[in-house]
Amino acid sequence: MLVAWGAFELRLENPVVDLRVAARPTVLMTNLASVALGFAFFSSAVLFPQILELPTSSGVGLGMSLLSMGLILAPAGLVQIAMAPVAARMNNTVGGRTTLVTSAIIISLSYSLALLAATEIWQIMLANAFIGAGIGIGFASMPMLIMGAVDANETGAANGLNSLMRSLGTGSSAAVMGAILAASSAGSSAPTAGGFQLGFSVALGAAVVAGILALCIPKPRPIQAVAVELSAGNSSLASEKA
């Protein structure tokens, strides 16, 4: 179905998703990094609630209620909102590429912390808050990278595709983490500590992959170079008209 859809879109004069635009290095690398970052982000939404809510008799759970779990994880959302102005400044100063790499580093460090210690409420709250900070920065950089690489009339479709790539990452994360926890609980009533460790390791790997893909995003050309090219093009056009 995907191949058939791609062939169909390539034949249209005005496709809903211009795959030629999606194949541009900046757009392609940003979308691939979006899949990996979305995977790393949603892994925390599967793993941390399980640890907090599983009964203490399981050996890994903290026996929290649904309401208590929600209150413990809520600060991550607040941190994500608070990072919006920080992300805007970073995009304006160091650029979207560096901002996205920074996001992947923060999330990688968060999962490293979870691997070392995720047995106390404050540890989970801290690691989850850092993940929220990383996501707040990373998700703000992606539209900037996309819009800087496409024409003005292509921004809607290109950003829509990028949102789809993020959803692909979060959806696959839920499936993979669910499979890992289910496999680790075979023969017992709850997932084991080893299952959670494997889940954190996979999420850490996804964050590292996102950082590597972000590093592969081409650096934007200096504004001065673009101005020189435009000036040269205008001069050439003027000469042809003359």
Protein backbone atom coordinates (compact mmCIF):
# COMPACT_ATOMS: atom_id res chain seq x y z
CA MET A 1 0.00 0.00 0.00
CA LEU A 2 2.83 2.39 0.84
CA VAL A 3 4.58 1.73 -2.51
CA ALA A 4 1.30 2.15 -4.40
CA TRP A 5 0.57 5.40 -2.57
CA GLY A 6 4.08 6.68 -3.33
CA ALA A 7 3.73 5.88 -7.04
CA PHE A 8 0.34 7.58 -7.11
CA GLU A 9 1.62 10.75 -5.39
CA LEU A 10 4.60 11.01 -7.75
CA ARG A 11 2.27 11.06 -10.78
CA LEU A 12 0.11 13.90 -9.50
CA GLU A 13 0.78 17.47 -10.55
CA ASN A 14 -0.27 18.78 -7.11
CA PRO A 15 0.17 15.87 -4.66
CA VAL A 16 -1.04 16.02 -1.07
CA VAL A 17 2.48 15.01 0.01
CA ASP A 18 5.27 15.94 -2.39
CA LEU A 19 7.66 13.02 -1.95
CA ARG A 20 10.36 14.86 -3.87
CA VAL A 21 10.31 17.53 -1.18
CA ALA A 22 10.30 14.85 1.54
CA ALA A 23 13.45 13.36 -0.03
CA ARG A 24 15.45 16.56 0.45
CA PRO A 25 18.29 15.87 2.93
CA THR A 26 17.13 18.35 5.57
CA VAL A 27 13.50 17.22 5.43
CA LEU A 28 14.38 13.51 5.28
CA MET A 29 16.83 13.60 8.19
CA THR A 30 14.47 15.72 10.29
CA ASN A 31 11.61 13.29 9.68
CA LEU A 32 13.75 10.26 10.54
CA ALA A 33 14.95 11.99 13.71
CA SER A 34 11.30 12.75 14.50
CA VAL A 35 10.44 9.04 14.40
CA ALA A 36 13.29 8.18 16.78
CA LEU A 37 12.56 11.09 19.12
CA GLY A 38 8.84 10.27 19.20
CA PHE A 39 9.75 6.68 20.07
CA ALA A 40 12.01 7.79 22.91
CA PHE A 41 9.41 10.25 24.20
CA PHE A 42 6.47 7.85 24.38
CA SER A 43 8.52 5.08 25.96
CA SER A 44 8.42 7.04 29.21
CA ALA A 45 4.61 7.22 28.97
CA VAL A 46 4.51 3.41 28.97
CA LEU A 47 7.29 2.52 31.41
CA PHE A 48 6.99 5.05 34.23
CA PRO A 49 3.23 4.62 34.89
CA GLN A 50 3.74 0.86 35.09
CA ILE A 51 6.47 1.18 37.71
CA LEU A 52 4.44 3.65 39.75
CA GLU A 53 1.18 1.67 39.67
CA LEU A 54 2.33 -1.94 39.95
CA PRO A 55 1.86 -3.34 43.48
CA THR A 56 4.87 -3.43 45.75
CA SER A 57 4.51 -7.22 45.94
CA SER A 58 5.70 -7.39 42.32
CA GLY A 59 9.17 -6.35 43.43
CA VAL A 60 9.37 -3.45 40.97
CA GLY A 61 6.18 -1.41 41.55
CA LEU A 62 5.56 1.42 43.97
CA GLY A 63 1.85 0.70 44.49
CA MET A 64 0.58 4.18 43.60
CA SER A 65 -3.01 4.98 42.68
CA LEU A 66 -3.95 6.30 39.24
CA LEU A 67 -4.41 9.82 40.62
CA SER A 68 -1.08 9.78 42.47
CA MET A 69 0.70 8.51 39.37
CA GLY A 70 -0.77 11.31 37.30
CA LEU A 71 0.29 13.96 39.79
CA ILE A 72 3.84 12.55 39.92
CA LEU A 73 4.21 12.61 36.13
CA ALA A 74 2.40 15.93 35.58
CA PRO A 75 5.51 18.13 36.15
CA ALA A 76 6.98 16.82 32.90
CA GLY A 77 4.16 18.48 30.97
CA LEU A 78 4.68 21.75 32.84
CA VAL A 79 8.42 21.61 32.12
CA GLN A 80 7.66 20.97 28.46
CA ILE A 81 5.52 24.13 28.33
CA ALA A 82 8.14 26.14 30.21
CA MET A 83 10.80 25.15 27.67
CA ALA A 84 8.94 26.83 24.79
CA PRO A 85 10.64 30.25 25.15
CA VAL A 86 13.99 28.53 25.73
CA ALA A 87 13.54 26.55 22.52
CA ALA A 88 12.63 29.73 20.64
CA ARG A 89 15.83 31.43 21.80
CA MET A 90 17.93 28.40 20.92
CA ASN A 91 16.38 28.20 17.45
CA ASN A 92 17.22 31.86 16.88
CA THR A 93 20.77 31.69 18.23
CA VAL A 94 22.27 28.25 17.55
CA GLY A 95 19.76 26.99 14.95
CA GLY A 96 17.27 24.14 14.77
CA ARG A 97 19.91 21.46 14.09
CA THR A 98 21.84 22.14 17.30
CA THR A 99 18.58 22.50 19.23
CA LEU A 100 17.43 19.07 18.06
CA VAL A 101 20.79 17.51 18.98
CA THR A 102 20.56 19.12 22.43
CA SER A 103 17.10 17.63 22.85
CA ALA A 104 18.39 14.13 22.06
CA ILE A 105 21.26 14.55 24.53
CA ILE A 106 18.90 15.60 27.34
CA ILE A 107 16.59 12.65 26.71
CA SER A 108 19.55 10.25 26.52
CA LEU A 109 20.79 11.48 29.89
CA SER A 110 17.27 11.08 31.31
CA TYR A 111 17.08 7.42 30.32
CA SER A 112 20.62 6.88 31.59
CA LEU A 113 19.40 8.17 34.95
CA ALA A 114 16.39 5.85 34.79
CA LEU A 115 18.68 2.90 34.07
CA LEU A 116 20.78 3.71 37.12
CA ALA A 117 17.93 4.49 39.50
CA ALA A 118 14.16 4.28 39.00
CA THR A 119 13.07 2.80 42.31
CA GLU A 120 12.03 5.97 44.13
CA ILE A 121 9.30 8.48 43.32
CA TRP A 122 11.67 11.45 43.15
CA GLN A 123 13.96 9.58 40.74
CA ILE A 124 11.13 8.85 38.33
CA MET A 125 9.80 12.40 38.66
CA LEU A 126 13.24 13.85 37.91
CA ALA A 127 13.95 11.60 34.91
CA ASN A 128 10.47 12.23 33.47
CA ALA A 129 10.83 15.99 33.94
CA PHE A 130 14.10 15.96 32.01
CA ILE A 131 12.43 13.99 29.23
CA GLY A 132 9.72 16.65 29.14
CA ALA A 133 12.41 19.34 28.84
CA GLY A 134 14.08 17.48 25.98
CA ILE A 135 10.81 16.98 24.14
CA GLY A 136 9.82 20.61 24.64
CA ILE A 137 13.06 21.68 22.97
CA GLY A 138 13.12 19.03 20.26
CA PHE A 139 9.53 19.29 19.06
CA ALA A 140 9.92 23.06 18.74
CA SER A 141 12.97 22.74 16.50
CA MET A 142 11.45 20.37 13.94
CA PRO A 143 8.98 22.82 12.31
CA MET A 144 11.78 25.40 12.09
CA LEU A 145 14.02 22.92 10.27
CA ILE A 146 11.22 21.86 7.93
CA MET A 147 10.10 25.42 7.09
CA GLY A 148 13.69 26.44 6.42
CA ALA A 149 14.09 23.69 3.84
CA VAL A 150 10.88 24.02 1.78
CA ASP A 151 9.12 26.73 -0.16
CA ALA A 152 6.41 28.79 1.53
CA ASN A 153 3.63 26.98 -0.35
CA GLU A 154 4.95 23.59 0.83
CA THR A 155 5.19 24.25 4.57
CA GLY A 156 1.73 22.91 5.44
CA ALA A 157 2.19 19.53 3.73
CA ALA A 158 5.80 19.19 4.90
CA ASN A 159 4.95 19.91 8.55
CA GLY A 160 1.94 17.59 8.31
CA LEU A 161 4.22 14.78 7.19
CA ASN A 162 6.59 15.58 10.04
CA SER A 163 3.72 15.30 12.53
CA LEU A 164 2.87 11.93 11.00
CA MET A 165 6.48 10.78 11.50
CA ARG A 166 6.31 11.74 15.17
CA SER A 167 3.07 9.79 15.51
CA LEU A 168 4.74 6.82 13.83
CA GLY A 169 7.44 6.96 16.49
CA THR A 170 5.02 7.20 19.41
CA GLY A 171 2.76 4.47 18.06
CA SER A 172 5.60 2.03 17.44
CA SER A 173 7.01 2.83 20.89
CA ALA A 174 3.77 1.77 22.58
CA ALA A 175 3.81 -1.52 20.68
CA VAL A 176 7.49 -2.27 21.33
CA MET A 177 7.41 -1.36 25.02
CA GLY A 178 4.21 -3.32 25.51
CA ALA A 179 5.84 -6.36 23.88
CA ILE A 180 8.96 -6.05 26.04
CA LEU A 181 6.98 -5.82 29.28
CA ALA A 182 4.64 -8.62 28.25
CA ALA A 183 7.58 -10.88 27.38
CA SER A 184 9.29 -10.17 30.70
CA SER A 185 6.12 -11.01 32.62
CA ALA A 186 5.82 -14.48 31.08
CA GLY A 187 5.48 -16.95 33.95
CA SER A 188 4.84 -14.21 36.52
CA SER A 189 2.06 -11.80 37.39
CA ALA A 190 3.98 -8.61 36.50
CA PRO A 191 6.90 -7.41 34.37
CA THR A 192 10.31 -7.96 35.90
CA ALA A 193 13.01 -5.43 36.67
CA GLY A 194 14.94 -6.82 33.71
CA GLY A 195 12.04 -6.00 31.41
CA PHE A 196 12.01 -2.38 32.54
CA GLN A 197 15.79 -2.17 32.20
CA LEU A 198 15.52 -3.46 28.63
CA GLY A 199 12.77 -0.93 27.90
CA PHE A 200 14.90 1.93 29.21
CA SER A 201 17.85 0.68 27.17
CA VAL A 202 15.80 0.57 23.95
CA ALA A 203 14.45 4.07 24.63
CA LEU A 204 17.99 5.30 25.31
CA GLY A 205 19.10 3.78 22.00
CA ALA A 206 16.27 5.57 20.18
CA ALA A 207 17.32 8.92 21.71
CA VAL A 208 20.94 8.32 20.65
CA VAL A 209 19.79 7.45 17.11
CA ALA A 210 17.74 10.67 17.05
CA GLY A 211 20.85 12.65 17.99
CA ILE A 212 22.95 10.97 15.29
CA LEU A 213 20.27 11.62 12.66
CA ALA A 214 20.03 15.24 13.79
CA LEU A 215 23.78 15.59 13.31
CA CYS A 216 23.29 14.39 9.72
CA ILE A 217 20.94 17.30 8.96
CA PRO A 218 22.82 19.63 6.58
CA LYS A 219 23.86 22.93 8.06
CA PRO A 220 21.87 25.86 6.66
CA ARG A 221 23.79 28.09 4.32
CA PRO A 222 24.91 31.47 5.71
CA ILE A 223 22.50 34.29 4.91
CA GLN A 224 25.34 36.19 3.22
CA ALA A 225 25.94 33.31 0.79
CA VAL A 226 22.26 33.13 -0.11
CA ALA A 227 22.20 36.90 -0.68
CA VAL A 228 25.22 36.68 -2.99
CA GLU A 229 23.57 33.90 -5.02
CA LEU A 230 20.32 35.89 -5.32
CA SER A 231 22.25 38.98 -6.36
CA ALA A 232 24.18 37.01 -8.98
CA GLY A 233 20.98 35.48 -10.30
CA ASN A 234 19.28 38.87 -10.55
CA SER A 235 22.30 40.32 -12.36
CA SER A 236 22.31 37.42 -14.82
CA LEU A 237 18.59 37.85 -15.46
CA ALA A 238 19.04 41.57 -16.01
CA SER A 239 21.85 40.89 -18.53
CA GLU A 240 19.68 38.43 -20.46
CA LYS A 241 16.83 40.95 -20.63
CA ALA A 242 19.24 43.62 -21.84
